[in-house]
Amino acid sequence: MEGLRRGLSRWKRYHIKVHLADEALLLPLTVRPRDTLSDLRAQLVGQGVSSWKRAFYYNARRLDDHQTVRDARLQDGSVLLLVAWAGGDRAMTEGTQESLLPSRFCCFQSHL
């Protein structure tokens, strides 16, 4: 049964949205559980949106590019926030992720 569930997960699709705070846009994306945040960035570039020097946030938590949709616990209907990140490319540590979210977005939650 577990093998069947795993086999079906590759066909599963989630319809999520990416909120571009700087431009007041809400873009729909279709993703699979195995897609990484880098794959989401590629989809955005395909729609003409640059995600360079921007960070994804979900439920006030910064997401790393290597995380999959499953790792980030995104579900159908989730909303990601994409904001300019002033921290550059420095490495993130687990304890500092929440504190780097700009204060005007501290209360952002998904609509689930």
N, C-alpha and C. Protein backbone atom coordinates (compact mmCIF):
# COMPACT_ATOMS: atom_id res chain seq x y z
N MET A 1 0.82 -1.19 0.00
CA MET A 1 0.00 0.00 0.00
C MET A 1 0.87 1.26 0.00
N GLU A 2 1.95 1.22 0.76
CA GLU A 2 2.86 2.38 0.82
C GLU A 2 3.49 2.66 -0.53
N GLY A 3 3.84 1.58 -1.27
CA GLY A 3 4.42 1.76 -2.60
C GLY A 3 3.44 2.41 -3.56
N LEU A 4 2.17 2.04 -3.44
CA LEU A 4 1.14 2.65 -4.28
C LEU A 4 0.99 4.12 -3.95
N ARG A 5 1.00 4.44 -2.66
CA ARG A 5 0.88 5.83 -2.22
C ARG A 5 2.05 6.66 -2.74
N ARG A 6 3.26 6.09 -2.65
CA ARG A 6 4.44 6.80 -3.15
C ARG A 6 4.37 6.98 -4.66
N GLY A 7 3.88 5.96 -5.35
CA GLY A 7 3.76 6.04 -6.81
C GLY A 7 2.75 7.08 -7.25
N LEU A 8 1.68 7.22 -6.51
CA LEU A 8 0.66 8.21 -6.85
C LEU A 8 1.10 9.63 -6.53
N SER A 9 2.03 9.78 -5.58
CA SER A 9 2.44 11.14 -5.19
C SER A 9 3.13 11.89 -6.32
N ARG A 10 3.72 11.16 -7.27
CA ARG A 10 4.37 11.87 -8.37
C ARG A 10 3.36 12.49 -9.32
N TRP A 11 2.12 12.03 -9.27
CA TRP A 11 1.07 12.59 -10.11
C TRP A 11 0.30 13.69 -9.39
N LYS A 12 0.50 13.79 -8.08
CA LYS A 12 -0.22 14.79 -7.30
C LYS A 12 0.26 16.19 -7.67
N ARG A 13 -0.67 17.11 -7.73
CA ARG A 13 -0.35 18.51 -8.05
C ARG A 13 -1.00 19.40 -7.01
N TYR A 14 -0.28 20.42 -6.61
CA TYR A 14 -0.82 21.42 -5.69
C TYR A 14 -0.93 22.74 -6.43
N HIS A 15 -2.00 23.43 -6.22
CA HIS A 15 -2.18 24.76 -6.78
C HIS A 15 -1.93 25.75 -5.64
N ILE A 16 -0.80 26.44 -5.73
CA ILE A 16 -0.42 27.39 -4.69
C ILE A 16 -0.35 28.78 -5.32
N LYS A 17 -0.14 29.76 -4.48
CA LYS A 17 0.03 31.13 -4.96
C LYS A 17 1.28 31.72 -4.34
N VAL A 18 1.93 32.61 -5.09
CA VAL A 18 3.10 33.33 -4.60
C VAL A 18 2.72 34.81 -4.55
N HIS A 19 2.81 35.37 -3.35
CA HIS A 19 2.49 36.79 -3.16
C HIS A 19 3.79 37.59 -3.29
N LEU A 20 3.86 38.44 -4.30
CA LEU A 20 5.01 39.32 -4.49
C LEU A 20 4.69 40.62 -3.78
N ALA A 21 5.22 40.77 -2.58
CA ALA A 21 4.86 41.90 -1.73
C ALA A 21 5.27 43.24 -2.33
N ASP A 22 6.44 43.30 -2.95
CA ASP A 22 6.94 44.57 -3.49
C ASP A 22 6.09 45.07 -4.66
N GLU A 23 5.48 44.15 -5.38
CA GLU A 23 4.71 44.52 -6.56
C GLU A 23 3.22 44.32 -6.39
N ALA A 24 2.78 43.90 -5.21
CA ALA A 24 1.36 43.67 -4.91
C ALA A 24 0.71 42.73 -5.93
N LEU A 25 1.41 41.63 -6.23
CA LEU A 25 0.89 40.62 -7.17
C LEU A 25 0.69 39.29 -6.45
N LEU A 26 -0.26 38.52 -6.91
CA LEU A 26 -0.50 37.17 -6.41
C LEU A 26 -0.51 36.25 -7.62
N LEU A 27 0.55 35.45 -7.77
CA LEU A 27 0.72 34.60 -8.95
C LEU A 27 0.40 33.15 -8.64
N PRO A 28 -0.43 32.50 -9.45
CA PRO A 28 -0.71 31.08 -9.23
C PRO A 28 0.39 30.20 -9.83
N LEU A 29 0.71 29.11 -9.13
CA LEU A 29 1.67 28.12 -9.61
C LEU A 29 1.10 26.74 -9.37
N THR A 30 1.44 25.80 -10.22
CA THR A 30 1.10 24.40 -10.01
C THR A 30 2.40 23.66 -9.74
N VAL A 31 2.48 22.97 -8.61
CA VAL A 31 3.71 22.32 -8.19
C VAL A 31 3.44 20.86 -7.79
N ARG A 32 4.51 20.08 -7.75
CA ARG A 32 4.44 18.69 -7.28
C ARG A 32 5.14 18.62 -5.93
N PRO A 33 4.82 17.62 -5.12
CA PRO A 33 5.46 17.49 -3.80
C PRO A 33 6.99 17.40 -3.86
N ARG A 34 7.53 16.86 -4.94
CA ARG A 34 9.00 16.70 -5.04
C ARG A 34 9.71 17.93 -5.61
N ASP A 35 8.96 18.93 -6.07
CA ASP A 35 9.56 20.16 -6.58
C ASP A 35 10.28 20.90 -5.46
N THR A 36 11.43 21.48 -5.79
CA THR A 36 12.15 22.29 -4.81
C THR A 36 11.75 23.75 -4.98
N LEU A 37 12.16 24.57 -4.02
CA LEU A 37 11.90 26.00 -4.13
C LEU A 37 12.66 26.58 -5.33
N SER A 38 13.77 25.99 -5.69
CA SER A 38 14.48 26.41 -6.91
C SER A 38 13.62 26.17 -8.14
N ASP A 39 12.87 25.06 -8.15
CA ASP A 39 11.94 24.80 -9.26
C ASP A 39 10.84 25.86 -9.31
N LEU A 40 10.37 26.29 -8.15
CA LEU A 40 9.36 27.35 -8.10
C LEU A 40 9.93 28.65 -8.66
N ARG A 41 11.20 28.93 -8.31
CA ARG A 41 11.85 30.13 -8.85
C ARG A 41 11.90 30.06 -10.38
N ALA A 42 12.21 28.88 -10.92
CA ALA A 42 12.28 28.71 -12.37
C ALA A 42 10.91 28.96 -13.00
N GLN A 43 9.84 28.50 -12.35
CA GLN A 43 8.49 28.76 -12.87
C GLN A 43 8.19 30.26 -12.88
N LEU A 44 8.63 30.95 -11.84
CA LEU A 44 8.41 32.40 -11.78
C LEU A 44 9.16 33.12 -12.89
N VAL A 45 10.40 32.69 -13.15
CA VAL A 45 11.17 33.28 -14.23
C VAL A 45 10.46 33.04 -15.56
N GLY A 46 9.86 31.87 -15.72
CA GLY A 46 9.09 31.57 -16.92
C GLY A 46 7.89 32.48 -17.10
N GLN A 47 7.39 33.01 -15.99
CA GLN A 47 6.27 33.96 -16.05
C GLN A 47 6.75 35.41 -16.10
N GLY A 48 8.07 35.59 -16.19
CA GLY A 48 8.63 36.93 -16.31
C GLY A 48 8.88 37.64 -15.00
N VAL A 49 8.96 36.89 -13.90
CA VAL A 49 9.18 37.48 -12.58
C VAL A 49 10.55 37.05 -12.08
N SER A 50 11.38 38.01 -11.75
CA SER A 50 12.70 37.70 -11.21
C SER A 50 12.60 37.47 -9.71
N SER A 51 13.22 36.38 -9.25
CA SER A 51 13.23 36.12 -7.81
C SER A 51 14.64 36.30 -7.24
N TRP A 52 15.50 36.96 -8.00
CA TRP A 52 16.87 37.22 -7.59
C TRP A 52 16.88 38.07 -6.32
N LYS A 53 17.66 37.63 -5.33
CA LYS A 53 17.79 38.32 -4.04
C LYS A 53 16.46 38.50 -3.33
N ARG A 54 15.60 37.51 -3.48
CA ARG A 54 14.33 37.47 -2.76
C ARG A 54 14.23 36.14 -2.03
N ALA A 55 13.53 36.14 -0.93
CA ALA A 55 13.39 34.94 -0.13
C ALA A 55 11.92 34.53 -0.04
N PHE A 56 11.68 33.22 -0.04
CA PHE A 56 10.35 32.68 0.16
C PHE A 56 10.08 32.54 1.64
N TYR A 57 8.87 32.91 2.05
CA TYR A 57 8.42 32.71 3.43
C TYR A 57 7.08 32.00 3.40
N TYR A 58 6.90 31.12 4.38
CA TYR A 58 5.63 30.44 4.55
C TYR A 58 5.34 30.35 6.04
N ASN A 59 4.20 30.87 6.44
CA ASN A 59 3.83 30.93 7.86
C ASN A 59 4.94 31.58 8.69
N ALA A 60 5.44 32.72 8.22
CA ALA A 60 6.47 33.53 8.88
C ALA A 60 7.78 32.77 9.07
N ARG A 61 8.05 31.79 8.21
CA ARG A 61 9.28 31.00 8.30
C ARG A 61 9.97 31.05 6.94
N ARG A 62 11.27 31.41 6.95
CA ARG A 62 12.02 31.48 5.70
C ARG A 62 12.29 30.07 5.19
N LEU A 63 12.10 29.88 3.88
CA LEU A 63 12.34 28.59 3.25
C LEU A 63 13.63 28.64 2.45
N ASP A 64 14.36 27.54 2.45
CA ASP A 64 15.60 27.44 1.69
C ASP A 64 15.32 26.86 0.32
N ASP A 65 16.16 27.20 -0.65
CA ASP A 65 15.95 26.77 -2.03
C ASP A 65 16.02 25.26 -2.22
N HIS A 66 16.75 24.57 -1.36
CA HIS A 66 16.88 23.12 -1.52
C HIS A 66 15.68 22.35 -0.96
N GLN A 67 14.81 23.01 -0.20
CA GLN A 67 13.65 22.35 0.37
C GLN A 67 12.64 21.99 -0.72
N THR A 68 12.00 20.85 -0.54
CA THR A 68 10.93 20.47 -1.46
C THR A 68 9.61 21.01 -0.94
N VAL A 69 8.61 20.95 -1.80
CA VAL A 69 7.26 21.38 -1.41
C VAL A 69 6.80 20.54 -0.21
N ARG A 70 7.12 19.26 -0.24
CA ARG A 70 6.76 18.37 0.87
C ARG A 70 7.50 18.77 2.15
N ASP A 71 8.81 19.04 2.04
CA ASP A 71 9.60 19.44 3.21
C ASP A 71 9.06 20.71 3.85
N ALA A 72 8.62 21.64 3.02
CA ALA A 72 8.11 22.92 3.50
C ALA A 72 6.67 22.80 4.02
N ARG A 73 6.08 21.62 3.83
CA ARG A 73 4.70 21.34 4.27
C ARG A 73 3.67 22.23 3.58
N LEU A 74 3.92 22.50 2.31
CA LEU A 74 2.95 23.25 1.53
C LEU A 74 1.82 22.32 1.12
N GLN A 75 0.63 22.86 1.05
CA GLN A 75 -0.54 22.08 0.67
C GLN A 75 -1.26 22.79 -0.46
N ASP A 76 -2.26 22.14 -0.99
CA ASP A 76 -3.07 22.76 -2.03
C ASP A 76 -3.71 24.02 -1.46
N GLY A 77 -3.52 25.15 -2.15
CA GLY A 77 -4.07 26.42 -1.69
C GLY A 77 -3.14 27.26 -0.83
N SER A 78 -1.93 26.78 -0.56
CA SER A 78 -0.98 27.55 0.26
C SER A 78 -0.55 28.83 -0.46
N VAL A 79 -0.18 29.82 0.33
CA VAL A 79 0.30 31.09 -0.22
C VAL A 79 1.71 31.34 0.32
N LEU A 80 2.66 31.50 -0.60
CA LEU A 80 4.04 31.83 -0.23
C LEU A 80 4.23 33.32 -0.39
N LEU A 81 5.05 33.88 0.46
CA LEU A 81 5.41 35.29 0.37
C LEU A 81 6.82 35.38 -0.20
N LEU A 82 7.01 36.21 -1.21
CA LEU A 82 8.33 36.41 -1.80
C LEU A 82 8.71 37.87 -1.60
N VAL A 83 9.71 38.09 -0.74
CA VAL A 83 10.12 39.46 -0.41
C VAL A 83 11.61 39.64 -0.66
N ALA A 84 12.00 40.89 -0.93
CA ALA A 84 13.41 41.21 -1.08
C ALA A 84 14.10 40.95 0.24
N TRP A 85 15.24 40.30 0.17
CA TRP A 85 15.98 39.95 1.37
C TRP A 85 17.27 40.74 1.40
N ALA A 86 17.42 41.59 2.40
CA ALA A 86 18.59 42.46 2.51
C ALA A 86 19.82 41.72 3.01
N GLY A 87 19.67 40.46 3.41
CA GLY A 87 20.78 39.72 4.01
C GLY A 87 21.77 39.17 3.01
N GLY A 88 21.54 39.33 1.72
CA GLY A 88 22.47 38.83 0.72
C GLY A 88 22.49 37.32 0.67
N ASP A 89 23.67 36.73 0.44
CA ASP A 89 23.79 35.29 0.29
C ASP A 89 24.39 34.60 1.50
N ARG A 90 24.45 35.25 2.63
CA ARG A 90 25.07 34.61 3.78
C ARG A 90 24.26 33.41 4.25
N ALA A 91 24.93 32.48 4.86
CA ALA A 91 24.27 31.25 5.31
C ALA A 91 23.30 31.54 6.44
N MET A 92 22.20 30.82 6.42
CA MET A 92 21.19 30.98 7.45
C MET A 92 21.36 29.90 8.50
N THR A 93 21.11 30.25 9.73
CA THR A 93 21.09 29.25 10.78
C THR A 93 19.66 29.11 11.25
N GLU A 94 19.33 27.95 11.77
CA GLU A 94 17.95 27.65 12.15
C GLU A 94 17.40 28.65 13.15
N GLY A 95 18.19 29.11 14.09
CA GLY A 95 17.70 30.01 15.12
C GLY A 95 17.45 31.43 14.66
N THR A 96 17.98 31.83 13.52
CA THR A 96 17.84 33.22 13.08
C THR A 96 16.84 33.41 11.96
N GLN A 97 16.26 32.34 11.46
CA GLN A 97 15.39 32.47 10.30
C GLN A 97 14.20 33.38 10.56
N GLU A 98 13.50 33.18 11.67
CA GLU A 98 12.30 33.95 11.92
C GLU A 98 12.60 35.42 12.14
N SER A 99 13.75 35.73 12.74
CA SER A 99 14.05 37.12 13.05
C SER A 99 14.38 37.95 11.81
N LEU A 100 14.69 37.32 10.67
CA LEU A 100 15.06 38.05 9.47
C LEU A 100 13.86 38.45 8.62
N LEU A 101 12.67 38.00 8.97
CA LEU A 101 11.48 38.39 8.24
C LEU A 101 11.21 39.86 8.51
N PRO A 102 11.05 40.67 7.47
CA PRO A 102 10.79 42.09 7.69
C PRO A 102 9.58 42.28 8.61
N SER A 103 9.67 43.25 9.51
CA SER A 103 8.66 43.42 10.54
C SER A 103 7.27 43.66 9.97
N ARG A 104 7.15 44.28 8.80
CA ARG A 104 5.82 44.53 8.26
C ARG A 104 5.12 43.26 7.81
N PHE A 105 5.87 42.13 7.72
CA PHE A 105 5.29 40.88 7.31
C PHE A 105 5.23 39.85 8.45
N CYS A 106 5.46 40.28 9.67
CA CYS A 106 5.58 39.32 10.76
C CYS A 106 4.30 38.55 11.02
N CYS A 107 3.18 39.06 10.65
CA CYS A 107 1.92 38.39 10.94
C CYS A 107 1.34 37.66 9.75
N PHE A 108 2.07 37.54 8.66
CA PHE A 108 1.58 36.88 7.45
C PHE A 108 1.41 35.39 7.71
N GLN A 109 0.28 34.87 7.38
CA GLN A 109 0.00 33.44 7.49
C GLN A 109 -0.65 32.98 6.21
N SER A 110 -0.58 31.69 5.94
CA SER A 110 -1.29 31.19 4.77
C SER A 110 -2.78 31.22 5.06
N HIS A 111 -3.58 31.11 4.03
CA HIS A 111 -5.02 31.23 4.20
C HIS A 111 -5.69 29.92 4.56
N LEU A 112 -4.90 28.88 4.87
CA LEU A 112 -5.50 27.58 5.18
C LEU A 112 -6.14 27.59 6.52
